[in-house]
Protein backbone atom coordinates (compact mmCIF):
# COMPACT_ATOMS: atom_id res chain seq x y z
CA MET A 1 -74.24 -2.48 59.99
CA GLN A 2 -74.42 -3.60 63.30
CA THR A 3 -74.86 -7.41 63.53
CA ILE A 4 -77.46 -8.80 66.17
CA ILE A 5 -76.92 -12.55 67.47
CA PRO A 6 -79.86 -14.36 65.15
CA SER A 7 -81.23 -15.86 68.62
CA LEU A 8 -81.90 -12.24 69.64
CA ILE A 9 -83.28 -11.10 66.21
CA SER A 10 -85.77 -14.60 67.03
CA ASP A 11 -86.71 -13.32 70.09
CA PHE A 12 -87.24 -10.21 68.72
CA SER A 13 -89.24 -11.77 65.97
CA MET A 14 -91.50 -13.87 68.74
CA THR A 15 -92.20 -10.86 70.94
CA VAL A 16 -93.83 -8.51 68.31
CA TRP A 17 -96.03 -11.16 66.61
CA GLN A 18 -97.60 -12.52 70.17
CA ASN A 19 -98.24 -9.29 71.01
CA TYR A 20 -99.82 -8.59 67.92
CA ALA A 21 -101.86 -12.02 68.29
CA THR A 22 -103.45 -10.72 71.42
CA MET A 23 -103.29 -6.84 71.31
CA GLY A 24 -103.19 -6.39 67.17
CA ARG A 25 -105.35 -3.16 66.47
CA ARG A 26 -107.89 -3.05 63.42
CA PHE A 27 -107.87 -0.25 61.52
CA SER A 28 -110.04 0.58 58.25
CA TRP A 29 -107.02 1.03 56.05
CA ARG A 30 -105.33 -1.78 56.87
CA GLU A 31 -108.35 -3.82 55.47
CA THR A 32 -107.97 -2.91 52.22
CA ASP A 33 -104.83 -2.93 49.44
CA ASP A 34 -106.13 -0.17 47.60
CA PRO A 35 -103.05 2.16 46.70
CA TYR A 36 -104.86 5.14 46.76
CA ALA A 37 -106.94 4.60 49.95
CA ILE A 38 -103.40 3.70 51.61
CA MET A 39 -102.09 6.90 50.49
CA VAL A 40 -104.64 8.85 51.66
CA SER A 41 -104.17 6.86 55.26
CA GLU A 42 -100.49 7.73 55.06
CA PHE A 43 -101.01 11.24 54.44
CA MET A 44 -103.58 11.66 57.65
CA LEU A 45 -101.53 9.82 59.84
CA GLN A 46 -98.48 12.03 59.45
CA GLN A 47 -98.32 13.94 63.03
CA THR A 48 -101.42 12.73 63.92
CA GLN A 49 -103.06 10.05 66.47
CA THR A 50 -104.63 7.14 64.86
CA ASN A 51 -107.88 7.75 67.03
CA ARG A 52 -108.20 11.70 65.17
CA VAL A 53 -108.34 9.93 61.78
CA VAL A 54 -110.27 6.68 61.57
CA GLN A 55 -113.56 8.78 61.21
CA LYS A 56 -112.20 11.50 58.84
CA TYR A 57 -110.60 8.68 57.05
CA GLU A 58 -114.31 7.45 55.97
CA THR A 59 -115.59 10.35 55.27
CA TRP A 60 -112.66 11.11 53.04
CA LEU A 61 -113.04 8.18 51.02
CA ALA A 62 -116.82 8.19 50.90
CA HIS A 63 -116.41 11.96 49.14
CA PHE A 64 -113.41 11.42 47.43
CA PRO A 65 -113.23 7.66 46.56
CA ASP A 66 -109.93 7.75 44.14
CA VAL A 67 -107.44 10.10 42.66
CA GLN A 68 -109.19 11.45 39.82
CA SER A 69 -112.20 12.79 42.49
CA VAL A 70 -109.38 14.39 44.33
CA ALA A 71 -107.22 15.73 41.31
CA ASP A 72 -110.25 17.55 39.93
CA ALA A 73 -111.78 18.70 42.65
CA PRO A 74 -110.79 22.62 44.02
CA LEU A 75 -108.14 23.17 46.82
CA SER A 76 -110.95 24.77 48.72
CA GLU A 77 -112.73 21.62 48.75
CA VAL A 78 -109.87 19.46 49.87
CA LEU A 79 -108.84 22.20 52.71
CA SER A 80 -112.34 22.11 53.89
CA LEU A 81 -113.11 18.22 54.13
CA TRP A 82 -109.32 17.86 55.77
CA ASN A 83 -110.33 20.17 57.99
CA GLY A 84 -109.68 19.42 61.55
CA LEU A 85 -106.95 17.14 60.92
CA GLY A 86 -104.78 20.02 61.30
CA TYR A 87 -101.17 20.54 59.37
CA ASN A 88 -103.10 21.72 56.53
CA ARG A 89 -100.47 21.83 53.95
CA ARG A 90 -100.75 17.84 53.65
CA ALA A 91 -104.20 18.09 52.16
CA LYS A 92 -102.69 20.57 49.92
CA PHE A 93 -99.89 18.23 49.07
CA LEU A 94 -101.97 15.46 48.90
CA HIS A 95 -104.06 17.62 46.20
CA GLU A 96 -101.01 18.38 43.90
CA ALA A 97 -100.10 14.70 44.40
CA CYS A 98 -103.47 13.37 42.89
CA ARG A 99 -102.97 15.69 40.18
CA LYS A 100 -99.42 14.86 39.69
CA ILE A 101 -100.40 10.88 39.55
CA CYS A 102 -103.41 11.55 37.04
CA GLN A 103 -101.17 13.84 34.72
CA ASP A 104 -97.96 11.52 34.10
CA TYR A 105 -99.48 7.84 35.61
CA GLY A 106 -102.64 7.37 34.35
CA GLY A 107 -104.36 8.23 38.20
CA MET A 108 -102.22 4.84 39.33
CA LEU A 109 -100.01 5.49 41.81
CA PRO A 110 -96.59 4.11 40.87
CA CYS A 111 -95.45 0.96 43.27
CA ASP A 112 -91.84 1.81 43.63
CA ALA A 113 -90.45 4.40 45.95
CA GLU A 114 -88.24 6.10 44.14
CA ARG A 115 -91.19 7.31 41.94
CA LEU A 116 -93.60 7.76 44.50
CA ASP A 117 -91.07 9.84 46.45
CA ALA A 118 -91.17 12.02 43.63
CA LEU A 119 -94.44 13.51 44.28
CA PRO A 120 -95.75 16.20 46.58
CA GLY A 121 -95.65 15.98 50.09
CA ILE A 122 -94.61 12.14 50.02
CA GLY A 123 -90.71 11.41 52.44
CA PRO A 124 -88.96 8.52 52.03
CA TYR A 125 -90.81 7.48 54.72
CA THR A 126 -94.52 7.57 53.27
CA ALA A 127 -93.27 6.10 49.87
CA ARG A 128 -91.74 2.96 51.53
CA ALA A 129 -94.65 2.71 53.80
CA ILE A 130 -97.13 3.21 50.61
CA VAL A 131 -95.19 0.71 48.59
CA THR A 132 -95.33 -1.97 51.77
CA PHE A 133 -98.72 -2.23 52.58
CA ALA A 134 -100.25 -1.50 49.06
CA PHE A 135 -97.75 -3.84 47.40
CA ASN A 136 -96.79 -6.07 50.30
CA LYS A 137 -93.22 -4.99 48.94
CA ALA A 138 -90.35 -6.07 52.04
CA GLU A 139 -89.04 -1.73 52.24
CA VAL A 140 -87.13 -0.80 55.47
CA PHE A 141 -88.80 2.47 57.17
CA ILE A 142 -88.75 3.90 60.32
CA GLU A 143 -91.57 5.68 62.19
CA THR A 144 -92.53 6.60 65.96
CA ASN A 145 -94.02 3.32 66.75
CA ILE A 146 -91.36 1.36 65.07
CA ARG A 147 -88.79 3.56 66.59
CA SER A 148 -90.13 2.91 70.27
CA ALA A 149 -90.35 -0.78 69.56
CA PHE A 150 -86.79 -1.03 68.69
CA ILE A 151 -85.27 1.13 71.25
CA ASP A 152 -87.66 -0.65 74.01
CA PHE A 153 -86.08 -4.44 73.02
CA PHE A 154 -82.64 -3.46 72.00
CA PHE A 155 -81.91 0.06 73.37
CA SER A 156 -83.31 -0.30 76.88
CA GLU A 157 -80.67 1.69 78.87
CA ALA A 158 -78.91 4.13 75.93
CA PRO A 159 -79.75 7.30 75.92
CA ALA A 160 -79.87 9.65 72.74
CA VAL A 161 -80.32 6.79 70.13
CA SER A 162 -79.89 7.54 66.59
CA ASP A 163 -82.15 6.47 63.77
CA ALA A 164 -78.87 5.29 62.11
CA GLU A 165 -78.41 2.76 64.60
CA ILE A 166 -81.72 1.60 64.44
CA VAL A 167 -82.48 1.48 60.74
CA PRO A 168 -80.04 -1.65 60.10
CA LEU A 169 -82.07 -3.36 63.11
CA VAL A 170 -85.16 -2.83 61.01
CA GLU A 171 -83.72 -4.21 58.21
CA GLN A 172 -82.21 -7.85 59.93
CA THR A 173 -85.67 -8.39 61.50
CA LEU A 174 -87.59 -7.81 58.30
CA ASP A 175 -90.45 -10.19 57.98
CA ARG A 176 -89.55 -10.86 53.89
CA GLY A 177 -92.10 -13.23 53.07
CA ARG A 178 -94.88 -11.01 54.76
CA PRO A 179 -93.84 -7.21 55.16
CA ARG A 180 -97.09 -5.84 55.32
CA GLU A 181 -98.00 -7.68 58.29
CA TRP A 182 -94.77 -8.10 60.16
CA TYR A 183 -95.22 -3.82 59.82
CA TYR A 184 -98.52 -3.64 61.33
CA ALA A 185 -97.18 -5.96 64.37
CA LEU A 186 -94.03 -4.00 64.53
CA MET A 187 -96.23 -0.94 65.14
CA ASP A 188 -98.58 -2.33 67.09
CA TYR A 189 -95.94 -3.42 69.57
CA GLY A 190 -94.36 -0.13 69.75
CA ALA A 191 -97.91 1.51 70.68
CA ALA A 192 -98.33 -0.96 73.24
CA VAL A 193 -94.75 -0.39 74.96
CA LYS A 194 -95.44 3.01 75.33
CA HIS A 195 -98.85 2.38 77.47
CA ARG A 196 -96.99 0.30 79.94
CA THR A 197 -93.67 2.48 80.07
CA GLU A 198 -92.17 5.80 79.93
CA ASN A 199 -92.46 6.37 75.95
CA PRO A 200 -88.52 4.82 74.56
CA SER A 201 -89.00 7.33 71.70
CA ARG A 202 -87.95 9.74 74.49
CA ARG A 203 -84.76 8.52 74.46
CA SER A 204 -84.78 8.83 70.96
CA ALA A 205 -82.23 11.63 69.35
CA SER A 206 -84.71 12.96 67.12
CA TYR A 207 -87.16 13.09 70.05
CA THR A 208 -88.89 16.44 70.20
CA LYS A 209 -91.52 17.16 72.70
CA GLN A 210 -94.77 19.27 70.31
CA SER A 211 -95.69 22.53 72.11
CA GLN A 212 -98.21 23.16 73.44
CA PHE A 213 -101.08 23.84 71.36
CA GLU A 214 -103.16 26.44 73.48
CA GLY A 215 -101.56 30.08 72.22
CA SER A 216 -99.87 28.72 69.17
CA LEU A 217 -99.73 29.70 66.20
CA ARG A 218 -101.36 26.17 65.23
CA GLN A 219 -104.35 26.86 67.14
CA ALA A 220 -104.66 30.05 65.41
CA ARG A 221 -104.33 28.40 61.46
CA GLY A 222 -106.64 25.84 62.51
CA ALA A 223 -109.17 28.42 63.59
CA ILE A 224 -108.44 30.21 60.39
CA LEU A 225 -108.84 27.48 58.41
CA ARG A 226 -111.84 26.04 60.33
CA GLN A 227 -114.20 29.39 59.82
CA LEU A 228 -112.98 29.45 56.25
CA SER A 229 -114.82 25.87 55.53
CA LYS A 230 -117.73 27.30 57.13
CA ASN A 231 -118.21 30.80 55.39
CA GLY A 232 -115.85 30.64 52.40
CA SER A 233 -114.62 34.50 53.09
CA VAL A 234 -113.84 35.87 56.22
CA SER A 235 -111.66 38.87 57.99
CA LEU A 236 -109.41 38.43 60.75
CA VAL A 237 -111.85 40.46 62.73
CA GLU A 238 -114.41 38.49 62.82
CA ILE A 239 -112.03 35.15 63.45
CA ALA A 240 -111.13 37.14 66.47
CA ALA A 241 -114.32 37.38 67.47
CA THR A 242 -115.63 33.96 67.07
CA GLU A 243 -112.22 31.96 68.00
CA LYS A 244 -110.98 34.41 70.72
CA ILE A 245 -107.59 34.40 69.12
CA ASP A 246 -105.45 37.82 69.61
CA MET A 247 -105.24 39.46 66.16
CA GLU A 248 -101.31 39.94 66.40
CA ARG A 249 -101.21 35.77 66.13
CA LEU A 250 -104.46 35.45 63.45
CA PHE A 251 -102.51 37.93 61.39
CA SER A 252 -98.85 36.05 61.82
CA ALA A 253 -100.99 32.87 60.68
CA ALA A 254 -103.01 34.01 57.65
CA GLN A 255 -99.34 35.53 56.35
CA LYS A 256 -98.42 32.12 56.83
CA LEU A 257 -100.84 30.55 55.17
CA SER A 258 -100.88 32.89 52.20
CA GLU A 259 -97.49 31.89 51.79
CA GLU A 260 -97.86 28.83 51.49
CA GLN A 261 -100.72 29.36 48.83
CA LEU A 262 -103.45 27.91 50.94
CA ILE A 263 -105.88 31.05 51.52
CA ARG A 264 -105.81 34.60 49.64
CA GLU A 265 -106.50 37.95 51.13
CA SER A 266 -108.70 40.50 49.07
CA ASN A 267 -109.97 44.00 50.58
CA GLY A 268 -109.37 42.47 54.42
CA ARG A 269 -111.07 39.51 53.51
CA TYR A 270 -109.98 35.92 53.42
CA SER A 271 -110.83 33.25 51.54
CA PHE A 272 -108.92 29.68 50.29
CA CYS A 273 -107.21 29.50 46.94
């Protein structure tokens, strides 16, 4: 494990906390310790900016207030409410995770990362984030803003910084007395850094630039699901006419969505599974 001198840890901690005191952000999911609500926020925040999540999160919790309500709903209802967030497999995984939680844990989220990690759509990061934010346990994890915070402070000149180099620093600087708030502060520091300088995460070894949305398969996928949410059943020809997307991309997107068991085709028309 890379060891850093205590004074540098202290300087980093002070910098993060000072930024949080003046620039800390407020979100609804930070105002609760309900494990289900926090799980929903973590699913929504995967690969999606916070400003796109805020309203959808409130709408979701008003419609699905607990694990059981999601588990009892048909997938079509879950996907319809998710519409607009993108990466719709997350909604399917959330639906499956809620059913598994009801089946195996009586509707109560387990409070350890290993059992959470075994649920659909919950990987190592999401499991540890849920445990930290819902149960205030000191877990070690990394995401894009955390990555930016450490690269900016400890690797200011280094290119291609690996997560293997960052994770030991996350562990050594972790405020184990108040981990939930520390991670909020850490993420907000990383977000602030991106606004005042070039995004440090671009110097991460794992950095990949997201492909352009216009003209992409993601755009076609979103169009199909949006039209299904509005109409229940629709043909690709109808989607092409409404959304102005070429048939080749729509067909490829529909095939992929069918393979993922999000939609199904019958007599040339598509509907939710």
